[in-house]
Amino acid sequence: MSTTPANLRYTKSHEWVLDNGDETVTIGITSHAQELLGDVVFVELPELERTVEAGEEFALVESVKAASDIYSPLSGVVIAVNDTLSDAPETVNSDPYGDGWMVKLHLNDAGDLNNLLDAAAYSAMIADA
């Protein structure tokens, strides 16, 4: 069963967003997403300082089942990537909301966080799937 932490925001494409409180966010994929993918074997992350737009493909996760594009939930500039995933991609499975984070962005507009789903809305969406 998937968990949906209440302190995060979510997208319909199964990314989670943590507001770091300083116009930056941390992004990863949800527990539900990693369960659907199965065992993650490779993660490709964007370059530092890349500018991304909300909805743009900016990362790739490959599992034993499939390859899946990861979409930026918000517009901004990549300020950090989780380099440990190159050697330990399975961390996305074992700790999707912690050490399995993927990217940190400096936001163009922190107000855009309000466009994302809260935990209750995301939980309802995946329950209906």
Protein backbone atom coordinates (compact mmCIF):
# COMPACT_ATOMS: atom_id res chain seq x y z
CA MET A 1 0.00 0.00 0.00
CA SER A 2 1.31 3.42 -0.95
CA THR A 3 1.97 6.08 1.61
CA THR A 4 1.21 9.73 0.93
CA PRO A 5 3.03 12.13 3.28
CA ALA A 6 0.83 15.10 4.17
CA ASN A 7 3.69 17.64 4.04
CA LEU A 8 4.25 17.17 0.30
CA ARG A 9 2.48 18.32 -2.86
CA TYR A 10 1.83 15.99 -5.79
CA THR A 11 1.29 15.87 -9.54
CA LYS A 12 -1.09 13.75 -11.58
CA SER A 13 2.02 12.18 -13.17
CA HIS A 14 3.17 10.92 -9.72
CA GLU A 15 5.96 13.32 -8.79
CA TRP A 16 6.15 14.69 -5.25
CA VAL A 17 7.36 18.14 -4.24
CA LEU A 18 8.72 19.28 -0.88
CA ASP A 19 8.64 23.03 -0.28
CA ASN A 20 11.98 23.82 1.37
CA GLY A 21 10.65 27.21 2.48
CA ASP A 22 13.28 29.27 0.66
CA GLU A 23 11.89 29.37 -2.89
CA THR A 24 13.46 25.95 -3.53
CA VAL A 25 11.81 22.55 -3.73
CA THR A 26 12.96 18.95 -3.62
CA ILE A 27 11.36 16.58 -6.17
CA GLY A 28 11.07 12.82 -6.46
CA ILE A 29 8.59 10.17 -7.54
CA THR A 30 5.86 8.87 -5.28
CA SER A 31 5.75 5.53 -3.57
CA HIS A 32 2.82 4.66 -5.84
CA ALA A 33 4.93 5.42 -8.93
CA GLN A 34 7.89 3.33 -7.80
CA GLU A 35 5.53 0.43 -6.98
CA LEU A 36 4.12 0.59 -10.52
CA LEU A 37 7.61 0.72 -12.04
CA GLY A 38 9.04 -2.16 -10.05
CA ASP A 39 12.76 -2.48 -9.36
CA VAL A 40 14.52 0.71 -10.51
CA VAL A 41 17.81 -0.07 -12.27
CA PHE A 42 18.81 3.32 -13.74
CA VAL A 43 18.08 7.00 -13.13
CA GLU A 44 19.08 9.80 -15.52
CA LEU A 45 18.93 13.26 -13.97
CA PRO A 46 19.20 16.72 -15.57
CA GLU A 47 22.32 18.86 -15.63
CA LEU A 48 22.89 21.43 -12.90
CA GLU A 49 21.75 24.95 -13.77
CA ARG A 50 19.34 23.64 -16.42
CA THR A 51 16.19 25.75 -16.70
CA VAL A 52 13.04 23.64 -16.80
CA GLU A 53 9.41 24.49 -17.41
CA ALA A 54 6.48 22.94 -15.58
CA GLY A 55 5.39 19.80 -17.44
CA GLU A 56 8.71 19.38 -19.24
CA GLU A 57 10.46 15.99 -19.26
CA PHE A 58 13.62 16.44 -17.21
CA ALA A 59 14.62 13.00 -15.92
CA LEU A 60 14.27 9.34 -16.79
CA VAL A 61 13.76 6.30 -14.58
CA GLU A 62 14.31 2.80 -15.94
CA SER A 63 13.08 -0.27 -14.15
CA VAL A 64 12.98 -3.97 -14.91
CA LYS A 65 9.48 -3.34 -16.33
CA ALA A 66 9.74 -0.06 -18.25
CA ALA A 67 11.36 3.32 -18.79
CA SER A 68 9.42 6.32 -17.56
CA ASP A 69 9.92 10.02 -18.15
CA ILE A 70 9.82 12.26 -15.09
CA TYR A 71 8.17 15.63 -15.57
CA SER A 72 9.08 18.81 -13.76
CA PRO A 73 6.13 19.77 -11.58
CA LEU A 74 7.22 23.42 -11.54
CA SER A 75 9.31 25.90 -13.52
CA GLY A 76 12.76 26.80 -12.25
CA VAL A 77 16.47 26.11 -12.33
CA VAL A 78 18.09 22.82 -11.27
CA ILE A 79 20.31 23.60 -8.26
CA ALA A 80 21.07 20.03 -7.09
CA VAL A 81 20.75 16.45 -8.28
CA ASN A 82 20.95 13.30 -6.21
CA ASP A 83 24.20 11.84 -7.53
CA THR A 84 23.92 8.79 -5.27
CA LEU A 85 21.17 7.47 -7.55
CA SER A 86 23.70 6.78 -10.33
CA ASP A 87 25.35 4.12 -8.15
CA ALA A 88 22.27 3.12 -6.15
CA PRO A 89 19.12 3.65 -8.29
CA GLU A 90 17.25 1.16 -6.09
CA THR A 91 17.11 3.90 -3.43
CA VAL A 92 14.09 5.23 -5.35
CA ASN A 93 12.32 1.99 -4.36
CA SER A 94 13.55 1.71 -0.80
CA ASP A 95 13.13 5.37 0.25
CA PRO A 96 11.15 7.34 -2.37
CA TYR A 97 10.36 10.24 -0.01
CA GLY A 98 13.80 10.43 1.62
CA ASP A 99 17.16 9.38 0.18
CA GLY A 100 15.45 8.60 -3.15
CA TRP A 101 14.87 12.29 -3.95
CA MET A 102 15.96 13.27 -7.45
CA VAL A 103 16.28 17.01 -8.03
CA LYS A 104 16.20 20.35 -6.24
CA LEU A 105 14.88 23.40 -8.09
CA HIS A 106 15.02 27.11 -7.42
CA LEU A 107 11.50 28.19 -8.38
CA ASN A 108 10.57 30.88 -10.85
CA ASP A 109 7.35 31.46 -8.87
CA ALA A 110 6.80 29.86 -5.45
CA GLY A 111 3.07 30.57 -5.85
CA ASP A 112 2.93 27.79 -8.43
CA LEU A 113 3.07 25.28 -5.56
CA ASN A 114 -0.62 26.05 -5.04
CA ASN A 115 -1.37 24.45 -8.43
CA LEU A 116 -0.25 21.02 -7.21
CA LEU A 117 -2.36 18.37 -5.48
CA ASP A 118 -2.35 18.06 -1.72
CA ALA A 119 -2.01 14.64 -0.10
CA ALA A 120 -5.76 14.06 0.19
CA ALA A 121 -6.38 14.87 -3.48
CA TYR A 122 -3.46 12.70 -4.62
CA SER A 123 -4.58 9.80 -2.42
CA ALA A 124 -8.10 10.05 -3.85
CA MET A 125 -6.72 10.10 -7.39
CA ILE A 126 -4.63 6.94 -6.99
CA ALA A 127 -7.47 5.20 -5.13
CA ASP A 128 -9.68 5.74 -8.18
CA ALA A 129 -7.03 4.45 -10.60
